[in-house]
Amino acid sequence: MNYQKILEKREITVSVPCRIDLGGTLDISTFYLALARLKPCTVNIALDMRTRVTLSPWKAGRVRVSSRGFDSAEFPSFYAPYDHPMGLMFAVADFFAADGVHIQIASSSPPKSALGGSSAAAVAIVSAFLKCREGRVDPVAAAVTAHHIEAGVAGVPCGFQDQLAAAFGGVNAWHWQLNPGGPGFVQEKIFTRREEMENLDRHMLVAYCGVPHVSKDVNKKWVNGF
Protein backbone atom coordinates (compact mmCIF):
# COMPACT_ATOMS: atom_id res chain seq x y z
CA MET A 1 0.00 0.00 0.00
CA ASN A 2 1.29 3.46 -0.92
CA TYR A 3 0.78 5.29 2.37
CA GLN A 4 2.63 8.33 1.08
CA LYS A 5 0.02 8.95 -1.64
CA ILE A 6 -2.85 8.41 0.78
CA LEU A 7 -1.37 10.78 3.37
CA GLU A 8 -0.75 13.46 0.75
CA LYS A 9 -4.54 13.70 0.45
CA ARG A 10 -5.18 13.75 4.21
CA GLU A 11 -3.17 13.21 7.36
CA ILE A 12 -4.34 10.55 9.82
CA THR A 13 -4.54 11.39 13.55
CA VAL A 14 -5.39 9.01 16.39
CA SER A 15 -5.23 9.52 20.17
CA VAL A 16 -5.33 6.92 22.96
CA PRO A 17 -5.14 7.11 26.79
CA CYS A 18 -2.37 6.15 29.19
CA ARG A 19 -3.27 4.24 32.35
CA ILE A 20 -2.64 3.45 36.00
CA ASP A 21 -2.96 -0.11 37.30
CA LEU A 22 -4.33 -1.37 40.58
CA GLY A 23 -4.22 -5.14 40.23
CA GLY A 24 -0.56 -6.06 39.99
CA THR A 25 1.60 -6.94 37.02
CA LEU A 26 0.03 -10.31 36.26
CA ASP A 27 -0.41 -9.47 32.58
CA ILE A 28 2.97 -11.02 31.70
CA SER A 29 2.49 -14.53 30.27
CA THR A 30 5.30 -15.96 32.41
CA PHE A 31 3.13 -15.17 35.43
CA TYR A 32 -0.45 -15.73 34.36
CA LEU A 33 0.21 -19.06 32.62
CA ALA A 34 1.90 -20.52 35.71
CA LEU A 35 -0.85 -19.08 37.94
CA ALA A 36 -3.79 -20.07 35.74
CA ARG A 37 -5.36 -22.09 38.55
CA LEU A 38 -5.74 -18.86 40.54
CA LYS A 39 -7.58 -17.07 37.69
CA PRO A 40 -5.20 -14.05 37.57
CA CYS A 41 -6.44 -10.63 36.54
CA THR A 42 -5.29 -7.02 36.42
CA VAL A 43 -7.36 -3.91 37.09
CA ASN A 44 -6.46 -0.66 35.36
CA ILE A 45 -7.89 2.79 34.79
CA ALA A 46 -7.44 4.78 31.60
CA LEU A 47 -6.46 8.41 32.21
CA ASP A 48 -7.37 11.58 30.36
CA MET A 49 -3.65 11.97 29.63
CA ARG A 50 -3.64 11.00 25.98
CA THR A 51 -1.00 10.12 23.42
CA ARG A 52 -1.71 11.57 19.99
CA VAL A 53 -0.16 10.22 16.79
CA THR A 54 -0.29 11.85 13.37
CA LEU A 55 0.80 10.18 10.14
CA SER A 56 1.86 12.58 7.39
CA PRO A 57 3.71 12.16 4.08
CA TRP A 58 7.52 12.20 4.01
CA LYS A 59 10.33 11.57 1.55
CA ALA A 60 10.01 8.40 -0.50
CA GLY A 61 12.25 5.62 0.81
CA ARG A 62 12.43 7.14 4.30
CA VAL A 63 10.55 6.92 7.61
CA ARG A 64 10.80 9.66 10.23
CA VAL A 65 9.64 9.55 13.87
CA SER A 66 9.29 12.67 16.02
CA SER A 67 8.28 12.51 19.68
CA ARG A 68 8.31 14.94 22.60
CA GLY A 69 11.19 14.15 24.94
CA PHE A 70 13.28 12.42 22.27
CA ASP A 71 15.46 13.54 19.39
CA SER A 72 13.72 13.05 16.05
CA ALA A 73 15.06 10.13 14.03
CA GLU A 74 14.93 9.20 10.37
CA PHE A 75 16.11 6.05 8.59
CA PRO A 76 15.74 4.40 5.19
CA SER A 77 12.54 2.37 5.12
CA PHE A 78 13.01 -1.09 6.73
CA TYR A 79 16.53 -0.29 7.96
CA ALA A 80 15.89 1.36 11.33
CA PRO A 81 17.69 -0.26 14.29
CA TYR A 82 15.22 -1.64 16.82
CA ASP A 83 17.56 -0.92 19.73
CA HIS A 84 17.11 2.79 19.01
CA PRO A 85 15.21 4.77 21.70
CA MET A 86 12.27 4.82 19.28
CA GLY A 87 12.94 1.37 17.84
CA LEU A 88 9.44 0.19 18.79
CA MET A 89 7.86 2.91 16.67
CA PHE A 90 10.03 2.01 13.68
CA ALA A 91 9.18 -1.67 14.19
CA VAL A 92 5.47 -0.83 13.92
CA ALA A 93 6.21 1.12 10.74
CA ASP A 94 8.06 -1.90 9.34
CA PHE A 95 5.16 -4.21 10.17
CA PHE A 96 2.88 -2.07 8.01
CA ALA A 97 5.54 -1.74 5.30
CA ALA A 98 5.51 2.03 5.74
CA ASP A 99 7.49 4.11 3.25
CA GLY A 100 7.57 7.88 2.88
CA VAL A 101 5.82 8.38 6.23
CA HIS A 102 6.40 10.81 9.10
CA ILE A 103 5.12 9.55 12.47
CA GLN A 104 4.56 12.41 14.92
CA ILE A 105 3.92 11.52 18.57
CA ALA A 106 2.62 13.97 21.17
CA SER A 107 2.22 12.42 24.62
CA SER A 108 0.78 14.26 27.60
CA SER A 109 2.40 11.82 30.06
CA PRO A 110 6.02 12.25 31.20
CA PRO A 111 8.47 9.92 29.40
CA LYS A 112 9.25 6.71 31.35
CA SER A 113 6.66 7.56 34.01
CA ALA A 114 5.23 4.00 34.27
CA LEU A 115 1.91 5.11 32.78
CA GLY A 116 2.25 2.92 29.70
CA GLY A 117 3.24 5.78 27.40
CA SER A 118 5.38 3.84 24.92
CA SER A 119 2.80 1.06 24.62
CA ALA A 120 0.07 3.65 24.15
CA ALA A 121 2.11 5.26 21.39
CA ALA A 122 2.52 1.88 19.70
CA VAL A 123 -1.25 1.27 19.87
CA ALA A 124 -1.89 4.74 18.47
CA ILE A 125 0.52 4.13 15.56
CA VAL A 126 -1.02 0.73 14.83
CA SER A 127 -4.49 2.30 14.96
CA ALA A 128 -3.44 5.11 12.63
CA PHE A 129 -2.12 2.65 10.05
CA LEU A 130 -5.26 0.50 10.37
CA LYS A 131 -7.40 3.59 9.91
CA CYS A 132 -5.33 4.60 6.89
CA ARG A 133 -5.46 1.11 5.37
CA GLU A 134 -8.95 -0.08 6.31
CA GLY A 135 -10.85 3.07 7.27
CA ARG A 136 -11.68 1.68 10.71
CA VAL A 137 -9.91 0.46 13.83
CA ASP A 138 -10.64 -2.84 15.59
CA PRO A 139 -9.47 -2.33 19.22
CA VAL A 140 -8.61 -6.02 19.67
CA ALA A 141 -6.48 -6.03 16.51
CA ALA A 142 -4.78 -2.77 17.54
CA ALA A 143 -3.94 -4.02 21.05
CA VAL A 144 -2.82 -7.51 20.01
CA THR A 145 -0.67 -6.26 17.14
CA ALA A 146 1.05 -3.60 19.26
CA HIS A 147 1.66 -6.10 22.07
CA HIS A 148 3.31 -8.71 19.84
CA ILE A 149 5.51 -6.13 18.13
CA GLU A 150 6.62 -4.67 21.48
CA ALA A 151 7.43 -8.12 22.91
CA GLY A 152 9.48 -8.91 19.81
CA VAL A 153 11.47 -5.68 20.01
CA ALA A 154 11.99 -5.75 23.80
CA GLY A 155 13.41 -9.27 23.81
CA VAL A 156 11.77 -9.97 27.19
CA PRO A 157 8.20 -10.97 28.14
CA CYS A 158 5.97 -7.92 28.04
CA GLY A 159 2.68 -7.21 29.76
CA PHE A 160 -0.56 -6.69 27.88
CA GLN A 161 -2.53 -4.28 30.03
CA ASP A 162 -1.01 -1.06 28.66
CA GLN A 163 -2.12 -1.85 25.12
CA LEU A 164 -5.60 -2.88 26.25
CA ALA A 165 -6.15 0.29 28.27
CA ALA A 166 -5.02 2.36 25.29
CA ALA A 167 -7.28 0.50 22.87
CA PHE A 168 -10.41 0.22 25.04
CA GLY A 169 -10.20 3.02 27.64
CA GLY A 170 -12.41 2.95 30.74
CA VAL A 171 -11.97 1.08 34.02
CA ASN A 172 -11.57 -2.65 33.50
CA ALA A 173 -10.53 -5.93 35.04
CA TRP A 174 -8.58 -7.96 32.49
CA HIS A 175 -8.69 -11.71 33.07
CA TRP A 176 -5.68 -13.50 31.60
CA GLN A 177 -5.92 -16.92 30.00
CA LEU A 178 -4.37 -19.13 27.35
CA ASN A 179 -6.88 -19.13 24.53
CA PRO A 180 -5.51 -20.53 21.24
CA GLY A 181 -8.63 -19.42 19.41
CA GLY A 182 -8.90 -15.96 20.94
CA PRO A 183 -6.98 -12.91 22.11
CA GLY A 184 -5.85 -14.30 25.49
CA PHE A 185 -7.91 -12.02 27.72
CA VAL A 186 -11.47 -11.42 28.89
CA GLN A 187 -12.61 -7.86 29.53
CA GLU A 188 -14.77 -7.13 32.57
CA LYS A 189 -15.97 -3.52 32.70
CA ILE A 190 -15.88 -2.23 36.27
CA PHE A 191 -17.83 0.93 35.56
CA THR A 192 -20.38 1.32 32.79
CA ARG A 193 -22.09 4.60 33.71
CA ARG A 194 -20.68 8.11 33.36
CA GLU A 195 -21.71 9.02 36.93
CA GLU A 196 -19.55 6.20 38.30
CA MET A 197 -16.53 7.46 36.37
CA GLU A 198 -17.09 11.03 37.52
CA ASN A 199 -17.39 9.92 41.15
CA LEU A 200 -14.12 7.98 40.89
CA ASP A 201 -12.44 10.99 39.31
CA ARG A 202 -13.41 13.20 42.27
CA HIS A 203 -11.74 10.80 44.71
CA MET A 204 -8.43 10.15 42.96
CA LEU A 205 -5.24 12.08 42.33
CA VAL A 206 -2.44 10.73 40.14
CA ALA A 207 1.01 12.15 40.89
CA TYR A 208 4.36 11.49 39.19
CA CYS A 209 7.31 11.29 41.61
CA GLY A 210 9.88 12.06 38.92
CA VAL A 211 11.72 8.72 39.04
CA PRO A 212 12.02 7.20 35.54
CA HIS A 213 10.83 3.66 34.93
CA VAL A 214 12.19 1.45 32.13
CA SER A 215 9.72 -1.41 31.67
CA LYS A 216 12.15 -3.72 29.86
CA ASP A 217 14.62 -3.66 32.75
CA VAL A 218 11.94 -3.96 35.44
CA ASN A 219 10.13 -6.80 33.67
CA LYS A 220 13.38 -8.76 33.30
CA LYS A 221 14.04 -8.51 37.06
CA TRP A 222 10.49 -9.59 37.90
CA VAL A 223 10.53 -12.52 35.51
CA ASN A 224 13.94 -13.70 36.73
CA GLY A 225 12.78 -13.40 40.33
CA PHE A 226 9.60 -15.35 39.60
C-alpha atoms as a PDB file:
ATOM      1  CA  MET A   1       0.000   0.000   0.000  1.00  0.00           C
ATOM      2  CA  ASN A   2       1.285   3.456  -0.919  1.00  0.00           C
ATOM      3  CA  TYR A   3       0.776   5.293   2.375  1.00  0.00           C
ATOM      4  CA  GLN A   4       2.633   8.333   1.079  1.00  0.00           C
ATOM      5  CA  LYS A   5       0.025   8.947  -1.640  1.00  0.00           C
ATOM      6  CA  ILE A   6      -2.855   8.410   0.780  1.00  0.00           C
ATOM      7  CA  LEU A   7      -1.370  10.777   3.367  1.00  0.00           C
ATOM      8  CA  GLU A   8      -0.755  13.460   0.755  1.00  0.00           C
ATOM      9  CA  LYS A   9      -4.540  13.698   0.451  1.00  0.00           C
ATOM     10  CA  ARG A  10      -5.178  13.752   4.207  1.00  0.00           C
ATOM     11  CA  GLU A  11      -3.167  13.207   7.361  1.00  0.00           C
ATOM     12  CA  ILE A  12      -4.336  10.547   9.820  1.00  0.00           C
ATOM     13  CA  THR A  13      -4.537  11.389  13.545  1.00  0.00           C
ATOM     14  CA  VAL A  14      -5.385   9.013  16.394  1.00  0.00           C
ATOM     15  CA  SER A  15      -5.230   9.517  20.169  1.00  0.00           C
ATOM     16  CA  VAL A  16      -5.333   6.919  22.957  1.00  0.00           C
ATOM     17  CA  PRO A  17      -5.140   7.110  26.785  1.00  0.00           C
ATOM     18  CA  CYS A  18      -2.369   6.149  29.189  1.00  0.00           C
ATOM     19  CA  ARG A  19      -3.267   4.241  32.353  1.00  0.00           C
ATOM     20  CA  ILE A  20      -2.636   3.453  36.001  1.00  0.00           C
ATOM     21  CA  ASP A  21      -2.956  -0.105  37.296  1.00  0.00           C
ATOM     22  CA  LEU A  22      -4.334  -1.371  40.584  1.00  0.00           C
ATOM     23  CA  GLY A  23      -4.221  -5.142  40.232  1.00  0.00           C
ATOM     24  CA  GLY A  24      -0.564  -6.055  39.993  1.00  0.00           C
ATOM     25  CA  THR A  25       1.599  -6.942  37.018  1.00  0.00           C
ATOM     26  CA  LEU A  26       0.028 -10.314  36.256  1.00  0.00           C
ATOM     27  CA  ASP A  27      -0.407  -9.471  32.576  1.00  0.00           C
ATOM     28  CA  ILE A  28       2.972 -11.021  31.697  1.00  0.00           C
ATOM     29  CA  SER A  29       2.487 -14.528  30.272  1.00  0.00           C
ATOM     30  CA  THR A  30       5.296 -15.961  32.415  1.00  0.00           C
ATOM     31  CA  PHE A  31       3.128 -15.171  35.435  1.00  0.00           C
ATOM     32  CA  TYR A  32      -0.448 -15.731  34.356  1.00  0.00           C
ATOM     33  CA  LEU A  33       0.205 -19.062  32.620  1.00  0.00           C
ATOM     34  CA  ALA A  34       1.899 -20.522  35.710  1.00  0.00           C
ATOM     35  CA  LEU A  35      -0.846 -19.083  37.942  1.00  0.00           C
ATOM     36  CA  ALA A  36      -3.792 -20.074  35.738  1.00  0.00           C
ATOM     37  CA  ARG A  37      -5.356 -22.095  38.550  1.00  0.00           C
ATOM     38  CA  LEU A  38      -5.738 -18.856  40.537  1.00  0.00           C
ATOM     39  CA  LYS A  39      -7.575 -17.073  37.692  1.00  0.00           C
ATOM     40  CA  PRO A  40      -5.198 -14.051  37.572  1.00  0.00           C
ATOM     41  CA  CYS A  41      -6.437 -10.629  36.539  1.00  0.00           C
ATOM     42  CA  THR A  42      -5.287  -7.019  36.423  1.00  0.00           C
ATOM     43  CA  VAL A  43      -7.364  -3.911  37.093  1.00  0.00           C
ATOM     44  CA  ASN A  44      -6.464  -0.665  35.362  1.00  0.00           C
ATOM     45  CA  ILE A  45      -7.888   2.791  34.793  1.00  0.00           C
ATOM     46  CA  ALA A  46      -7.440   4.780  31.602  1.00  0.00           C
ATOM     47  CA  LEU A  47      -6.459   8.411  32.206  1.00  0.00           C
ATOM     48  CA  ASP A  48      -7.372  11.576  30.363  1.00  0.00           C
ATOM     49  CA  MET A  49      -3.647  11.970  29.627  1.00  0.00           C
ATOM     50  CA  ARG A  50      -3.635  11.002  25.979  1.00  0.00           C
ATOM     51  CA  THR A  51      -0.999  10.122  23.417  1.00  0.00           C
ATOM     52  CA  ARG A  52      -1.710  11.565  19.988  1.00  0.00           C
ATOM     53  CA  VAL A  53      -0.156  10.218  16.789  1.00  0.00           C
ATOM     54  CA  THR A  54      -0.294  11.849  13.365  1.00  0.00           C
ATOM     55  CA  LEU A  55       0.800  10.179  10.142  1.00  0.00           C
ATOM     56  CA  SER A  56       1.862  12.576   7.393  1.00  0.00           C
ATOM     57  CA  PRO A  57       3.713  12.164   4.080  1.00  0.00           C
ATOM     58  CA  TRP A  58       7.518  12.203   4.007  1.00  0.00           C
ATOM     59  CA  LYS A  59      10.328  11.568   1.553  1.00  0.00           C
ATOM     60  CA  ALA A  60      10.013   8.397  -0.499  1.00  0.00           C
ATOM     61  CA  GLY A  61      12.252   5.619   0.812  1.00  0.00           C
ATOM     62  CA  ARG A  62      12.430   7.139   4.297  1.00  0.00           C
ATOM     63  CA  VAL A  63      10.549   6.917   7.606  1.00  0.00           C
ATOM     64  CA  ARG A  64      10.797   9.662  10.227  1.00  0.00           C
ATOM     65  CA  VAL A  65       9.638   9.553  13.870  1.00  0.00           C
ATOM     66  CA  SER A  66       9.287  12.665  16.021  1.00  0.00           C
ATOM     67  CA  SER A  67       8.278  12.511  19.677  1.00  0.00           C
ATOM     68  CA  ARG A  68       8.310  14.943  22.595  1.00  0.00           C
ATOM     69  CA  GLY A  69      11.189  14.150  24.942  1.00  0.00           C
ATOM     70  CA  PHE A  70      13.283  12.418  22.266  1.00  0.00           C
ATOM     71  CA  ASP A  71      15.459  13.537  19.387  1.00  0.00           C
ATOM     72  CA  SER A  72      13.716  13.051  16.051  1.00  0.00           C
ATOM     73  CA  ALA A  73      15.065  10.129  14.034  1.00  0.00           C
ATOM     74  CA  GLU A  74      14.935   9.199  10.367  1.00  0.00           C
ATOM     75  CA  PHE A  75      16.111   6.045   8.589  1.00  0.00           C
ATOM     76  CA  PRO A  76      15.745   4.398   5.191  1.00  0.00           C
ATOM     77  CA  SER A  77      12.542   2.366   5.118  1.00  0.00           C
ATOM     78  CA  PHE A  78      13.014  -1.093   6.727  1.00  0.00           C
ATOM     79  CA  TYR A  79      16.530  -0.292   7.958  1.00  0.00           C
ATOM     80  CA  ALA A  80      15.888   1.358  11.327  1.00  0.00           C
ATOM     81  CA  PRO A  81      17.693  -0.260  14.289  1.00  0.00           C
ATOM     82  CA  TYR A  82      15.221  -1.643  16.823  1.00  0.00           C
ATOM     83  CA  ASP A  83      17.562  -0.917  19.734  1.00  0.00           C
ATOM     84  CA  HIS A  84      17.109   2.788  19.006  1.00  0.00           C
ATOM     85  CA  PRO A  85      15.208   4.775  21.704  1.00  0.00           C
ATOM     86  CA  MET A  86      12.271   4.818  19.277  1.00  0.00           C
ATOM     87  CA  GLY A  87      12.936   1.374  17.843  1.00  0.00           C
ATOM     88  CA  LEU A  88       9.444   0.185  18.795  1.00  0.00           C
ATOM     89  CA  MET A  89       7.858   2.906  16.672  1.00  0.00           C
ATOM     90  CA  PHE A  90      10.026   2.014  13.680  1.00  0.00           C
ATOM     91  CA  ALA A  91       9.175  -1.673  14.190  1.00  0.00           C
ATOM     92  CA  VAL A  92       5.473  -0.827  13.920  1.00  0.00           C
ATOM     93  CA  ALA A  93       6.207   1.122  10.739  1.00  0.00           C
ATOM     94  CA  ASP A  94       8.062  -1.898   9.337  1.00  0.00           C
ATOM     95  CA  PHE A  95       5.158  -4.212  10.166  1.00  0.00           C
ATOM     96  CA  PHE A  96       2.876  -2.070   8.014  1.00  0.00           C
ATOM     97  CA  ALA A  97       5.545  -1.737   5.304  1.00  0.00           C
ATOM     98  CA  ALA A  98       5.511   2.025   5.735  1.00  0.00           C
ATOM     99  CA  ASP A  99       7.495   4.109   3.252  1.00  0.00           C
ATOM    100  CA  GLY A 100       7.570   7.881   2.880  1.00  0.00           C
ATOM    101  CA  VAL A 101       5.818   8.383   6.230  1.00  0.00           C
ATOM    102  CA  HIS A 102       6.405  10.815   9.103  1.00  0.00           C
ATOM    103  CA  ILE A 103       5.121   9.551  12.468  1.00  0.00           C
ATOM    104  CA  GLN A 104       4.560  12.407  14.918  1.00  0.00           C
ATOM    105  CA  ILE A 105       3.921  11.515  18.570  1.00  0.00           C
ATOM    106  CA  ALA A 106       2.623  13.971  21.173  1.00  0.00           C
ATOM    107  CA  SER A 107       2.223  12.416  24.623  1.00  0.00           C
ATOM    108  CA  SER A 108       0.780  14.257  27.595  1.00  0.00           C
ATOM    109  CA  SER A 109       2.397  11.823  30.057  1.00  0.00           C
ATOM    110  CA  PRO A 110       6.018  12.247  31.198  1.00  0.00           C
ATOM    111  CA  PRO A 111       8.473   9.921  29.403  1.00  0.00           C
ATOM    112  CA  LYS A 112       9.254   6.706  31.355  1.00  0.00           C
ATOM    113  CA  SER A 113       6.664   7.561  34.009  1.00  0.00           C
ATOM    114  CA  ALA A 114       5.233   3.999  34.265  1.00  0.00           C
ATOM    115  CA  LEU A 115       1.911   5.107  32.782  1.00  0.00           C
ATOM    116  CA  GLY A 116       2.251   2.923  29.701  1.00  0.00           C
ATOM    117  CA  GLY A 117       3.240   5.778  27.400  1.00  0.00           C
ATOM    118  CA  SER A 118       5.383   3.845  24.922  1.00  0.00           C
ATOM    119  CA  SER A 119       2.800   1.061  24.620  1.00  0.00           C
ATOM    120  CA  ALA A 120       0.065   3.648  24.155  1.00  0.00           C
ATOM    121  CA  ALA A 121       2.112   5.264  21.389  1.00  0.00           C
ATOM    122  CA  ALA A 122       2.517   1.878  19.699  1.00  0.00           C
ATOM    123  CA  VAL A 123      -1.248   1.269  19.870  1.00  0.00           C
ATOM    124  CA  ALA A 124      -1.891   4.743  18.465  1.00  0.00           C
ATOM    125  CA  ILE A 125       0.522   4.130  15.559  1.00  0.00           C
ATOM    126  CA  VAL A 126      -1.019   0.726  14.826  1.00  0.00           C
ATOM    127  CA  SER A 127      -4.490   2.295  14.963  1.00  0.00           C
ATOM    128  CA  ALA A 128      -3.436   5.108  12.634  1.00  0.00           C
ATOM    129  CA  PHE A 129      -2.116   2.648  10.046  1.00  0.00           C
ATOM    130  CA  LEU A 130      -5.259   0.496  10.365  1.00  0.00           C
ATOM    131  CA  LYS A 131      -7.397   3.591   9.909  1.00  0.00           C
ATOM    132  CA  CYS A 132      -5.331   4.602   6.890  1.00  0.00           C
ATOM    133  CA  ARG A 133      -5.465   1.105   5.370  1.00  0.00           C
ATOM    134  CA  GLU A 134      -8.952  -0.077   6.311  1.00  0.00           C
ATOM    135  CA  GLY A 135     -10.847   3.069   7.267  1.00  0.00           C
ATOM    136  CA  ARG A 136     -11.682   1.684  10.711  1.00  0.00           C
ATOM    137  CA  VAL A 137      -9.909   0.456  13.832  1.00  0.00           C
ATOM    138  CA  ASP A 138     -10.637  -2.835  15.594  1.00  0.00           C
ATOM    139  CA  PRO A 139      -9.468  -2.331  19.218  1.00  0.00           C
ATOM    140  CA  VAL A 140      -8.613  -6.018  19.670  1.00  0.00           C
ATOM    141  CA  ALA A 141      -6.485  -6.029  16.515  1.00  0.00           C
ATOM    142  CA  ALA A 142      -4.775  -2.774  17.542  1.00  0.00           C
ATOM    143  CA  ALA A 143      -3.941  -4.022  21.050  1.00  0.00           C
ATOM    144  CA  VAL A 144      -2.819  -7.515  20.015  1.00  0.00           C
ATOM    145  CA  THR A 145      -0.672  -6.257  17.137  1.00  0.00           C
ATOM    146  CA  ALA A 146       1.047  -3.598  19.261  1.00  0.00           C
ATOM    147  CA  HIS A 147       1.656  -6.096  22.073  1.00  0.00           C
ATOM    148  CA  HIS A 148       3.306  -8.705  19.844  1.00  0.00           C
ATOM    149  CA  ILE A 149       5.514  -6.132  18.129  1.00  0.00           C
ATOM    150  CA  GLU A 150       6.621  -4.671  21.479  1.00  0.00           C
ATOM    151  CA  ALA A 151       7.426  -8.116  22.906  1.00  0.00           C
ATOM    152  CA  GLY A 152       9.485  -8.906  19.808  1.00  0.00           C
ATOM    153  CA  VAL A 153      11.471  -5.677  20.008  1.00  0.00           C
ATOM    154  CA  ALA A 154      11.987  -5.750  23.800  1.00  0.00           C
ATOM    155  CA  GLY A 155      13.411  -9.273  23.805  1.00  0.00           C
ATOM    156  CA  VAL A 156      11.772  -9.974  27.191  1.00  0.00           C
ATOM    157  CA  PRO A 157       8.201 -10.968  28.141  1.00  0.00           C
ATOM    158  CA  CYS A 158       5.972  -7.919  28.035  1.00  0.00           C
ATOM    159  CA  GLY A 159       2.680  -7.210  29.759  1.00  0.00           C
ATOM    160  CA  PHE A 160      -0.564  -6.687  27.876  1.00  0.00           C
ATOM    161  CA  GLN A 161      -2.528  -4.279  30.033  1.00  0.00           C
ATOM    162  CA  ASP A 162      -1.012  -1.063  28.658  1.00  0.00           C
ATOM    163  CA  GLN A 163      -2.118  -1.846  25.120  1.00  0.00           C
ATOM    164  CA  LEU A 164      -5.604  -2.876  26.252  1.00  0.00           C
ATOM    165  CA  ALA A 165      -6.147   0.294  28.274  1.00  0.00           C
ATOM    166  CA  ALA A 166      -5.020   2.359  25.289  1.00  0.00           C
ATOM    167  CA  ALA A 167      -7.283   0.499  22.870  1.00  0.00           C
ATOM    168  CA  PHE A 168     -10.412   0.222  25.042  1.00  0.00           C
ATOM    169  CA  GLY A 169     -10.204   3.018  27.641  1.00  0.00           C
ATOM    170  CA  GLY A 170     -12.411   2.949  30.738  1.00  0.00           C
ATOM    171  CA  VAL A 171     -11.975   1.078  34.018  1.00  0.00           C
ATOM    172  CA  ASN A 172     -11.574  -2.653  33.497  1.00  0.00           C
ATOM    173  CA  ALA A 173     -10.527  -5.932  35.040  1.00  0.00           C
ATOM    174  CA  TRP A 174      -8.576  -7.956  32.494  1.00  0.00           C
ATOM    175  CA  HIS A 175      -8.695 -11.712  33.071  1.00  0.00           C
ATOM    176  CA  TRP A 176      -5.678 -13.502  31.602  1.00  0.00           C
ATOM    177  CA  GLN A 177      -5.924 -16.923  30.002  1.00  0.00           C
ATOM    178  CA  LEU A 178      -4.369 -19.126  27.353  1.00  0.00           C
ATOM    179  CA  ASN A 179      -6.883 -19.129  24.531  1.00  0.00           C
ATOM    180  CA  PRO A 180      -5.506 -20.531  21.240  1.00  0.00           C
ATOM    181  CA  GLY A 181      -8.631 -19.423  19.407  1.00  0.00           C
ATOM    182  CA  GLY A 182      -8.898 -15.962  20.935  1.00  0.00           C
ATOM    183  CA  PRO A 183      -6.982 -12.907  22.110  1.00  0.00           C
ATOM    184  CA  GLY A 184      -5.845 -14.298  25.489  1.00  0.00           C
ATOM    185  CA  PHE A 185      -7.914 -12.025  27.719  1.00  0.00           C
ATOM    186  CA  VAL A 186     -11.467 -11.422  28.890  1.00  0.00           C
ATOM    187  CA  GLN A 187     -12.605  -7.861  29.535  1.00  0.00           C
ATOM    188  CA  GLU A 188     -14.767  -7.132  32.571  1.00  0.00           C
ATOM    189  CA  LYS A 189     -15.967  -3.525  32.702  1.00  0.00           C
ATOM    190  CA  ILE A 190     -15.877  -2.231  36.275  1.00  0.00           C
ATOM    191  CA  PHE A 191     -17.834   0.933  35.560  1.00  0.00           C
ATOM    192  CA  THR A 192     -20.380   1.319  32.795  1.00  0.00           C
ATOM    193  CA  ARG A 193     -22.085   4.598  33.713  1.00  0.00           C
ATOM    194  CA  ARG A 194     -20.676   8.107  33.357  1.00  0.00           C
ATOM    195  CA  GLU A 195     -21.711   9.016  36.925  1.00  0.00           C
ATOM    196  CA  GLU A 196     -19.547   6.196  38.303  1.00  0.00           C
ATOM    197  CA  MET A 197     -16.535   7.457  36.369  1.00  0.00           C
ATOM    198  CA  GLU A 198     -17.091  11.027  37.520  1.00  0.00           C
ATOM    199  CA  ASN A 199     -17.386   9.916  41.152  1.00  0.00           C
ATOM    200  CA  LEU A 200     -14.118   7.979  40.889  1.00  0.00           C
ATOM    201  CA  ASP A 201     -12.442  10.991  39.310  1.00  0.00           C
ATOM    202  CA  ARG A 202     -13.414  13.199  42.270  1.00  0.00           C
ATOM    203  CA  HIS A 203     -11.739  10.803  44.709  1.00  0.00           C
ATOM    204  CA  MET A 204      -8.426  10.153  42.958  1.00  0.00           C
ATOM    205  CA  LEU A 205      -5.236  12.081  42.328  1.00  0.00           C
ATOM    206  CA  VAL A 206      -2.435  10.727  40.143  1.00  0.00           C
ATOM    207  CA  ALA A 207       1.012  12.148  40.894  1.00  0.00           C
ATOM    208  CA  TYR A 208       4.356  11.494  39.194  1.00  0.00           C
ATOM    209  CA  CYS A 209       7.307  11.287  41.613  1.00  0.00           C
ATOM    210  CA  GLY A 210       9.877  12.062  38.917  1.00  0.00           C
ATOM    211  CA  VAL A 211      11.721   8.719  39.041  1.00  0.00           C
ATOM    212  CA  PRO A 212      12.022   7.199  35.535  1.00  0.00           C
ATOM    213  CA  HIS A 213      10.834   3.656  34.928  1.00  0.00           C
ATOM    214  CA  VAL A 214      12.194   1.449  32.130  1.00  0.00           C
ATOM    215  CA  SER A 215       9.717  -1.407  31.668  1.00  0.00           C
ATOM    216  CA  LYS A 216      12.150  -3.716  29.865  1.00  0.00           C
ATOM    217  CA  ASP A 217      14.616  -3.659  32.749  1.00  0.00           C
ATOM    218  CA  VAL A 218      11.938  -3.958  35.439  1.00  0.00           C
ATOM    219  CA  ASN A 219      10.133  -6.804  33.665  1.00  0.00           C
ATOM    220  CA  LYS A 220      13.380  -8.757  33.302  1.00  0.00           C
ATOM    221  CA  LYS A 221      14.045  -8.507  37.061  1.00  0.00           C
ATOM    222  CA  TRP A 222      10.493  -9.586  37.903  1.00  0.00           C
ATOM    223  CA  VAL A 223      10.533 -12.520  35.506  1.00  0.00           C
ATOM    224  CA  ASN A 224      13.940 -13.697  36.732  1.00  0.00           C
ATOM    225  CA  GLY A 225      12.778 -13.402  40.329  1.00  0.00           C
ATOM    226  CA  PHE A 226       9.601 -15.346  39.601  1.00  0.00           C
END
